[in-house]
C-alpha cells in the first residue's frame, strides 16, 4: 500500500522494488495495480557483500532507500549511507529475543545501524520500545502498514466453482507441525458436521505434496476436485479461500512461529481462530480479541481446536458477531500508509528558509534524529 500511496503524492517518481525470493517477487508484481506497472520495476536484493551492494546502488542511483520489516543487513546499510542516500525503515519489527541479542552482544553496531536511518516507523508500541532501547532515533508513531493493504484479491469465477452446501473450515498459512493437528481436528468434527470441508493452505506451497500425503487430502495444484480435506498449494489464492471460510484458523500460531497476519481474514469478515503463539502481531491480536472477533485456541491441540471450530460453526449468531467485529477492527487499523507517505513526502520536499533567513528547518523526525 505504501508504493501506491507515494505514487499518488509523487506523480513523477519511479520505484525500484526489491525482494529476496522468487515467490515474493511473483506475488508482489501480480498484485501491483495495473496503472503503476510502468513506474515500478523489480529486482532481487543484492547479497550482503559490500562491493556487490555498492555496485547495485551505483547502477540505480536511488533518491531514497526505504527498508520494510527488514533484517538489518550491515553492508547494505553501510553502502547506502556511504553514498549519502537517505534511509527509512518502515513497519519495523524486532522481537524481544533479537533485541536482547543485539543489546548483549553488539550494542554499539546496533545503535550505529539504527541511527543510519533518518526515519523509523515501528509496527507496534512494543517494537518502538525495543528499538528505542537499542538507540534508535527519528521515530514516527507506530502503526501496522499491512493493515492499510486492500482486501486480498480473488477470482469470482473460481469462488463460485468452489462453493458447496456444507461448511468450510479454512486453515491458512500453515507451518510444519500444524497440519497433523488440523487433520485430527477435522476427524473429530466430521461426524458432527456432515459435508464439512477443511481446506489447508500451507504457508509455503512447495510443501503441498508433503502435506497432502500427511493428511490424505486432494491437491489444488494438481487440479484435483476438493475432497473433505483439500490442500490449496497454490500462490495468490488466499483471498479466494478466506471468502469461502465459515471459520478460519490463521497458521503459524499452533506452533512457536509467532503467527501469520490476522488482519487479512479480518478485512474479509471471517470469524478467526488463533493458536497460542501470536507474538508477530501481538497488538493486532489484542485488538481483535478485545473486540470479540477472535477466539484463541489454547492449548493448540486437536481436541481444543475441534471444540473451537464446532463452537463457531454451530452458532450462526456468534459467527456473525465475530465477522462484524473483525471487519470493524480492520477498518479502524487503516490509515498507516497515508500517514507514513505524508511524512516521507514532507521529508523529501526541499525545506524553505525561515522568514528571518535562518537555517533550513528539518522535518520533525529528522530533527529528533539530529539530536545528540
Protein backbone atom coordinates (compact mmCIF):
# COMPACT_ATOMS: atom_id res chain seq x y z
CA UNK A 1 0.00 0.00 0.00
CA UNK A 2 2.88 2.43 0.60
CA UNK A 3 4.07 2.41 -3.02
CA UNK A 4 0.57 3.16 -4.30
CA UNK A 5 0.10 5.96 -1.77
CA UNK A 6 3.51 7.50 -2.51
CA UNK A 7 2.84 7.26 -6.24
CA UNK A 8 -0.28 9.40 -5.81
CA UNK A 9 1.65 12.06 -3.91
CA UNK A 10 4.76 11.94 -6.12
CA UNK A 11 3.38 11.60 -9.67
CA UNK A 12 6.82 11.89 -11.32
CA UNK A 13 8.51 9.30 -9.09
CA UNK A 14 9.57 5.83 -10.22
CA UNK A 15 10.07 2.92 -7.84
CA UNK A 16 12.52 0.04 -7.66
CA UNK A 17 11.10 -2.82 -5.58
CA UNK A 18 13.49 -5.47 -4.28
CA UNK A 19 12.67 -8.86 -2.77
CA UNK A 20 14.70 -11.86 -1.69
CA UNK A 21 12.65 -14.77 -3.04
CA UNK A 22 11.00 -15.82 -6.30
CA UNK A 23 7.68 -16.34 -4.51
CA UNK A 24 7.54 -12.84 -3.05
CA UNK A 25 8.61 -11.32 -6.38
CA UNK A 26 5.85 -13.11 -8.26
CA UNK A 27 3.12 -12.24 -5.77
CA UNK A 28 4.20 -8.62 -5.43
CA UNK A 29 4.21 -7.89 -9.14
CA UNK A 30 0.99 -9.83 -9.75
CA UNK A 31 -0.76 -7.66 -7.17
CA UNK A 32 0.75 -4.40 -8.39
CA UNK A 33 -2.05 -2.14 -9.70
CA UNK A 34 -2.01 -2.01 -13.49
CA UNK A 35 -1.65 1.78 -13.58
CA UNK A 36 1.64 1.54 -11.65
CA UNK A 37 3.38 -1.19 -13.61
CA UNK A 38 5.20 1.26 -15.88
CA UNK A 39 6.51 3.10 -12.79
CA UNK A 40 7.59 0.10 -10.70
CA UNK A 41 10.46 -2.24 -11.55
CA UNK A 42 11.51 -5.33 -9.63
CA UNK A 43 14.99 -6.62 -8.92
CA UNK A 44 16.29 -9.16 -6.42
CA UNK A 45 18.10 -7.58 -3.49
CA UNK A 46 21.89 -7.96 -3.69
CA UNK A 47 23.61 -10.35 -1.33
CA UNK A 48 25.08 -8.53 1.66
CA UNK A 49 28.58 -8.15 0.24
CA UNK A 50 29.83 -4.57 0.34
CA UNK A 51 31.18 -4.45 -3.23
CA UNK A 52 28.01 -6.00 -4.68
CA UNK A 53 25.72 -3.66 -2.78
CA UNK A 54 27.83 -0.67 -3.84
CA UNK A 55 27.62 -1.75 -7.49
CA UNK A 56 23.84 -2.17 -7.19
CA UNK A 57 23.45 1.33 -5.74
CA UNK A 58 25.74 2.86 -8.36
CA UNK A 59 23.67 1.31 -11.13
CA UNK A 60 20.32 2.56 -9.82
CA UNK A 61 21.34 5.81 -8.09
CA UNK A 62 18.27 5.97 -5.79
CA UNK A 63 16.95 9.20 -4.28
CA UNK A 64 15.82 7.44 -1.11
CA UNK A 65 16.00 3.87 0.23
CA UNK A 66 13.02 2.53 2.16
CA UNK A 67 13.51 -0.75 4.01
CA UNK A 68 10.33 -2.57 5.09
CA UNK A 69 10.21 -5.05 8.00
CA UNK A 70 13.80 -5.68 7.11
CA UNK A 71 16.53 -7.57 8.85
CA UNK A 72 19.42 -5.22 9.43
CA UNK A 73 21.99 -6.27 6.83
CA UNK A 74 25.11 -4.30 7.81
CA UNK A 75 26.73 -3.98 4.37
CA UNK A 76 23.52 -2.83 2.70
CA UNK A 77 23.13 -0.10 5.28
CA UNK A 78 26.81 0.86 5.26
CA UNK A 79 26.96 1.12 1.46
CA UNK A 80 23.73 3.11 1.28
CA UNK A 81 24.91 5.52 3.95
CA UNK A 82 28.31 5.86 2.23
CA UNK A 83 26.71 7.21 -0.97
CA UNK A 84 24.55 9.58 1.11
CA UNK A 85 21.20 8.09 0.16
CA UNK A 86 18.65 8.89 2.90
CA UNK A 87 17.25 5.76 4.53
CA UNK A 88 13.90 5.00 6.16
CA UNK A 89 12.85 1.83 7.99
CA UNK A 90 9.09 1.22 7.85
CA UNK A 91 6.82 -1.34 9.51
CA UNK A 92 9.86 -2.08 11.64
CA UNK A 93 9.69 -5.21 13.76
CA UNK A 94 12.13 -6.61 16.27
CA UNK A 95 11.38 -9.48 18.62
CA UNK A 96 12.28 -9.46 22.29
CA UNK A 97 14.83 -12.21 21.62
CA UNK A 98 16.50 -10.31 18.77
CA UNK A 99 16.60 -7.08 20.76
CA UNK A 100 18.22 -8.84 23.70
CA UNK A 101 20.78 -10.49 21.42
CA UNK A 102 21.79 -7.14 19.92
CA UNK A 103 21.83 -5.50 23.35
CA UNK A 104 24.02 -8.21 24.85
CA UNK A 105 26.48 -8.92 22.05
CA UNK A 106 26.62 -5.88 19.78
CA UNK A 107 25.01 -2.78 21.29
CA UNK A 108 27.39 -0.39 19.52
CA UNK A 109 26.86 -1.75 15.98
CA UNK A 110 23.10 -1.92 16.58
CA UNK A 111 23.00 1.73 17.64
CA UNK A 112 25.10 2.82 14.66
CA UNK A 113 22.95 0.88 12.19
CA UNK A 114 19.69 2.22 13.59
CA UNK A 115 20.98 5.78 13.67
CA UNK A 116 21.76 5.50 9.98
CA UNK A 117 18.02 5.77 9.37
CA UNK A 118 16.56 9.25 9.15
CA UNK A 119 13.05 7.90 9.72
CA UNK A 120 11.91 4.77 11.56
CA UNK A 121 8.24 3.80 11.69
CA UNK A 122 7.74 0.87 14.10
CA UNK A 123 4.95 -1.62 13.60
CA UNK A 124 3.83 -1.57 17.24
CA UNK A 125 4.49 0.20 20.52
CA UNK A 126 6.43 -2.86 21.71
CA UNK A 127 8.67 -2.66 18.65
CA UNK A 128 9.09 1.06 19.27
CA UNK A 129 10.23 0.48 22.85
CA UNK A 130 12.74 -2.20 21.81
CA UNK A 131 14.15 -0.06 19.01
CA UNK A 132 14.50 2.95 21.30
CA UNK A 133 16.25 0.69 23.81
CA UNK A 134 18.83 -0.10 21.14
CA UNK A 135 19.41 3.59 20.44
CA UNK A 136 17.06 4.32 17.54
CA UNK A 137 16.13 7.94 16.85
CA UNK A 138 13.94 9.56 14.22
CA UNK A 139 10.91 7.57 15.39
CA UNK A 140 7.44 8.08 13.93
CA UNK A 141 4.20 6.93 15.60
CA UNK A 142 3.72 3.17 15.41
CA UNK A 143 1.27 1.50 13.05
CA UNK A 144 0.96 -1.70 11.05
CA UNK A 145 1.48 -0.90 7.38
CA UNK A 146 -0.09 -4.22 6.37
CA UNK A 147 -3.36 -3.07 7.93
CA UNK A 148 -3.59 -0.43 5.20
CA UNK A 149 -3.46 -3.04 2.44
CA UNK A 150 -6.62 -3.60 0.38
CA UNK A 151 -8.52 -6.88 0.79
CA UNK A 152 -6.77 -9.86 -0.74
CA UNK A 153 -7.83 -10.38 -4.38
CA UNK A 154 -9.79 -13.34 -5.73
CA UNK A 155 -11.19 -14.82 -8.93
CA UNK A 156 -15.02 -14.56 -8.77
CA UNK A 157 -15.46 -17.49 -11.17
CA UNK A 158 -13.23 -19.71 -9.04
CA UNK A 159 -15.17 -18.65 -5.95
CA UNK A 160 -18.47 -19.76 -7.46
CA UNK A 161 -16.96 -23.03 -8.68
CA UNK A 162 -15.72 -23.91 -5.18
CA UNK A 163 -18.93 -23.18 -3.27
CA UNK A 164 -20.68 -26.21 -1.80
CA UNK A 165 -23.59 -26.96 0.52
CA UNK A 166 -21.56 -27.89 3.59
CA UNK A 167 -19.50 -25.79 5.96
CA UNK A 168 -15.92 -24.80 5.18
CA UNK A 169 -13.09 -24.63 7.70
CA UNK A 170 -10.00 -22.89 6.32
CA UNK A 171 -6.58 -23.29 7.92
CA UNK A 172 -4.40 -20.64 6.28
CA UNK A 173 -0.64 -20.14 6.07
CA UNK A 174 0.12 -23.32 8.00
CA UNK A 175 3.57 -24.47 9.07
CA UNK A 176 5.09 -27.88 9.69
CA UNK A 177 3.58 -29.46 12.79
CA UNK A 178 0.19 -27.78 12.36
CA UNK A 179 -1.34 -29.80 9.54
CA UNK A 180 -1.45 -33.04 11.53
CA UNK A 181 -3.34 -31.22 14.31
CA UNK A 182 -5.77 -29.72 11.79
CA UNK A 183 -6.42 -33.11 10.15
CA UNK A 184 -7.06 -34.69 13.56
CA UNK A 185 -9.47 -31.87 14.41
CA UNK A 186 -11.28 -32.46 11.11
CA UNK A 187 -11.71 -36.14 12.00
CA UNK A 188 -13.36 -35.12 15.28
CA UNK A 189 -15.60 -32.57 13.57
CA UNK A 190 -16.75 -34.57 10.55
CA UNK A 191 -19.38 -36.71 12.36
CA UNK A 192 -20.96 -33.58 13.86
CA UNK A 193 -20.87 -31.53 10.64
CA UNK A 194 -21.76 -33.72 7.64
CA UNK A 195 -20.27 -32.34 4.44
CA UNK A 196 -17.59 -30.36 6.27
CA UNK A 197 -14.71 -29.35 4.02
CA UNK A 198 -11.37 -28.45 5.58
CA UNK A 199 -9.00 -26.51 3.33
CA UNK A 200 -5.35 -26.40 4.38
CA UNK A 201 -3.22 -23.67 2.79
CA UNK A 202 0.49 -24.23 3.50
CA UNK A 203 2.49 -21.07 4.05
CA UNK A 204 5.00 -22.48 1.56
CA UNK A 205 3.17 -24.06 -1.40
CA UNK A 206 6.14 -26.27 -2.25
CA UNK A 207 5.16 -28.33 0.81
CA UNK A 208 1.91 -29.29 -0.93
CA UNK A 209 2.85 -32.90 -1.75
CA UNK A 210 4.20 -33.45 1.75
CA UNK A 211 1.08 -32.01 3.41
CA UNK A 212 -1.33 -33.91 1.15
CA UNK A 213 0.45 -37.19 1.91
CA UNK A 214 0.38 -36.41 5.62
CA UNK A 215 -3.34 -35.63 5.84
CA UNK A 216 -4.63 -37.74 2.95
CA UNK A 217 -6.03 -34.74 1.08
CA UNK A 218 -6.55 -33.68 -2.52
CA UNK A 219 -4.30 -31.01 -4.07
CA UNK A 220 -5.39 -27.85 -5.86
CA UNK A 221 -2.10 -27.52 -7.72
CA UNK A 222 -2.86 -30.82 -9.49
CA UNK A 223 -6.34 -29.68 -10.47
CA UNK A 224 -7.99 -32.23 -8.18
CA UNK A 225 -11.57 -31.58 -7.07
CA UNK A 226 -11.76 -30.66 -3.39
CA UNK A 227 -12.35 -33.56 -1.04
CA UNK A 228 -13.20 -33.42 2.64
CA UNK A 229 -9.55 -32.46 3.20
CA UNK A 230 -8.12 -30.26 0.46
CA UNK A 231 -4.60 -28.82 0.25
CA UNK A 232 -4.54 -25.45 -1.53
CA UNK A 233 -0.88 -25.47 -2.54
CA UNK A 234 -1.07 -22.54 -4.95
CA UNK A 235 0.13 -18.94 -4.93
CA UNK A 236 -2.04 -15.85 -4.67
CA UNK A 237 -5.33 -17.55 -3.75
CA UNK A 238 -5.53 -16.83 -0.03
CA UNK A 239 -8.23 -14.22 -0.66
CA UNK A 240 -10.29 -16.80 -2.54
CA UNK A 241 -10.28 -19.31 0.29
CA UNK A 242 -10.87 -16.77 3.05
CA UNK A 243 -14.03 -15.76 1.17
CA UNK A 244 -15.18 -19.40 1.30
CA UNK A 245 -14.48 -19.77 5.01
CA UNK A 246 -17.19 -20.17 7.62
CA UNK A 247 -14.35 -20.07 10.14
CA UNK A 248 -10.62 -19.53 9.59
CA UNK A 249 -7.57 -20.57 11.57
CA UNK A 250 -4.54 -18.34 10.97
CA UNK A 251 -1.48 -20.57 10.88
CA UNK A 252 1.91 -20.19 12.44
CA UNK A 253 0.09 -19.89 15.75
CA UNK A 254 -0.35 -23.54 16.81
CA UNK A 255 3.44 -23.93 16.75
CA UNK A 256 6.04 -21.49 18.13
CA UNK A 257 6.36 -19.46 14.94
CA UNK A 258 4.64 -16.26 16.11
CA UNK A 259 1.60 -16.39 13.85
CA UNK A 260 0.75 -15.03 10.42
CA UNK A 261 -1.26 -11.88 9.66
CA UNK A 262 -4.78 -12.00 11.21
CA UNK A 263 -5.82 -8.74 9.54
CA UNK A 264 -6.16 -10.46 6.15
CA UNK A 265 -9.15 -12.60 7.21
CA UNK A 266 -10.43 -9.79 9.44
CA UNK A 267 -10.67 -7.46 6.44
CA UNK A 268 -12.83 -10.08 4.70
CA UNK A 269 -15.13 -10.62 7.68
CA UNK A 270 -14.02 -14.10 8.74
CA UNK A 271 -14.62 -15.48 12.23
CA UNK A 272 -11.00 -16.07 13.27
CA UNK A 273 -9.26 -18.71 15.37
CA UNK A 274 -5.67 -18.38 16.55
CA UNK A 275 -3.34 -20.69 18.41
CA UNK A 276 -1.40 -19.54 21.47
CA UNK A 277 1.67 -18.29 19.53
CA UNK A 278 0.83 -14.83 18.16
CA UNK A 279 3.82 -12.68 19.05
CA UNK A 280 4.38 -11.45 15.48
CA UNK A 281 1.11 -9.50 15.56
CA UNK A 282 0.61 -9.08 19.29
CA UNK A 283 -1.10 -5.69 19.32
CA UNK A 284 -3.42 -6.50 16.41
CA UNK A 285 -4.37 -9.78 18.10
CA UNK A 286 -5.16 -7.97 21.34
CA UNK A 287 -7.42 -5.57 19.42
CA UNK A 288 -9.23 -8.47 17.76
CA UNK A 289 -9.62 -10.42 21.00
CA UNK A 290 -10.92 -7.36 22.84
CA UNK A 291 -13.49 -6.77 20.08
CA UNK A 292 -14.70 -10.37 20.21
CA UNK A 293 -13.50 -11.10 16.67
CA UNK A 294 -11.07 -13.86 17.60
CA UNK A 295 -11.02 -16.98 19.71
CA UNK A 296 -7.62 -18.13 20.93
CA UNK A 297 -7.23 -21.92 20.90
CA UNK A 298 -5.14 -22.84 23.90
CA UNK A 299 -3.56 -25.32 24.15
CA UNK A 300 -3.25 -25.78 20.41
CA UNK A 301 -4.19 -29.46 20.28
CA UNK A 302 -6.70 -31.26 18.06
CA UNK A 303 -9.45 -31.59 20.67
CA UNK A 304 -9.32 -27.92 21.67
CA UNK A 305 -9.18 -26.80 18.04
CA UNK A 306 -12.13 -29.03 17.10
CA UNK A 307 -14.16 -27.64 20.01
CA UNK A 308 -13.45 -24.07 18.91
CA UNK A 309 -14.38 -24.76 15.28
CA UNK A 310 -17.58 -26.53 16.36
CA UNK A 311 -18.49 -23.62 18.63
CA UNK A 312 -18.40 -21.20 15.67
CA UNK A 313 -19.96 -23.50 13.08
CA UNK A 314 -22.88 -24.42 15.32
CA UNK A 315 -23.80 -20.85 16.33
CA UNK A 316 -24.62 -18.62 13.36
CA UNK A 317 -25.25 -15.57 15.55
CA UNK A 318 -21.84 -15.89 17.20
CA UNK A 319 -20.16 -16.32 13.82
CA UNK A 320 -21.88 -13.18 12.54
CA UNK A 321 -20.84 -11.15 15.58
CA UNK A 322 -17.24 -12.29 15.20
CA UNK A 323 -17.24 -11.44 11.48
CA UNK A 324 -18.64 -7.95 12.02
CA UNK A 325 -16.21 -7.27 14.85
CA UNK A 326 -13.29 -8.40 12.68
CA UNK A 327 -14.28 -6.04 9.86
CA UNK A 328 -14.62 -3.15 12.30
CA UNK A 329 -11.16 -3.71 13.79
CA UNK A 330 -9.64 -3.97 10.32
CA UNK A 331 -11.31 -0.72 9.28
CA UNK A 332 -10.06 1.12 12.36
CA UNK A 333 -6.50 -0.06 11.69
CA UNK A 334 -6.26 1.56 8.25
CA UNK A 335 -4.51 4.87 7.60
CA UNK A 336 -0.90 3.99 8.38
CA UNK A 337 0.14 4.15 4.72
CA UNK A 338 -1.38 7.62 4.32
CA UNK A 339 0.31 8.97 7.45
CA UNK A 340 3.66 7.45 6.51
CA UNK A 341 3.51 8.69 2.92
CA UNK A 342 2.76 12.22 4.15
CA UNK A 343 5.81 12.07 6.42
CA UNK A 344 8.09 10.78 3.67
CA UNK A 345 6.90 13.40 1.18
CA UNK A 346 7.45 16.15 3.77
CA UNK A 347 10.90 14.76 4.47
CA UNK A 348 11.83 14.71 0.77
CA UNK A 349 10.36 18.11 -0.05
CA UNK A 350 13.03 20.85 -0.06
CA UNK A 351 12.70 22.78 3.17
CA UNK A 352 12.14 26.52 2.98
CA UNK A 353 14.28 29.04 4.87
CA UNK A 354 12.68 30.61 7.88
CA UNK A 355 11.13 34.11 7.42
CA UNK A 356 14.14 35.56 9.21
CA UNK A 357 16.51 33.94 6.73
CA UNK A 358 17.80 31.48 9.32
CA UNK A 359 18.82 27.87 8.88
CA UNK A 360 16.71 25.39 6.97
CA UNK A 361 14.04 23.66 9.05
CA UNK A 362 14.25 19.85 9.05
CA UNK A 363 11.18 17.62 9.41
CA UNK A 364 10.27 16.77 12.99
CA UNK A 365 11.56 13.19 12.86
CA UNK A 366 14.81 14.35 11.24
CA UNK A 367 15.29 16.96 13.97
CA UNK A 368 14.93 14.21 16.56
CA UNK A 369 17.48 12.15 14.66
CA UNK A 370 19.93 15.07 14.71
CA UNK A 371 19.69 15.38 18.47
CA UNK A 372 22.99 14.24 20.05
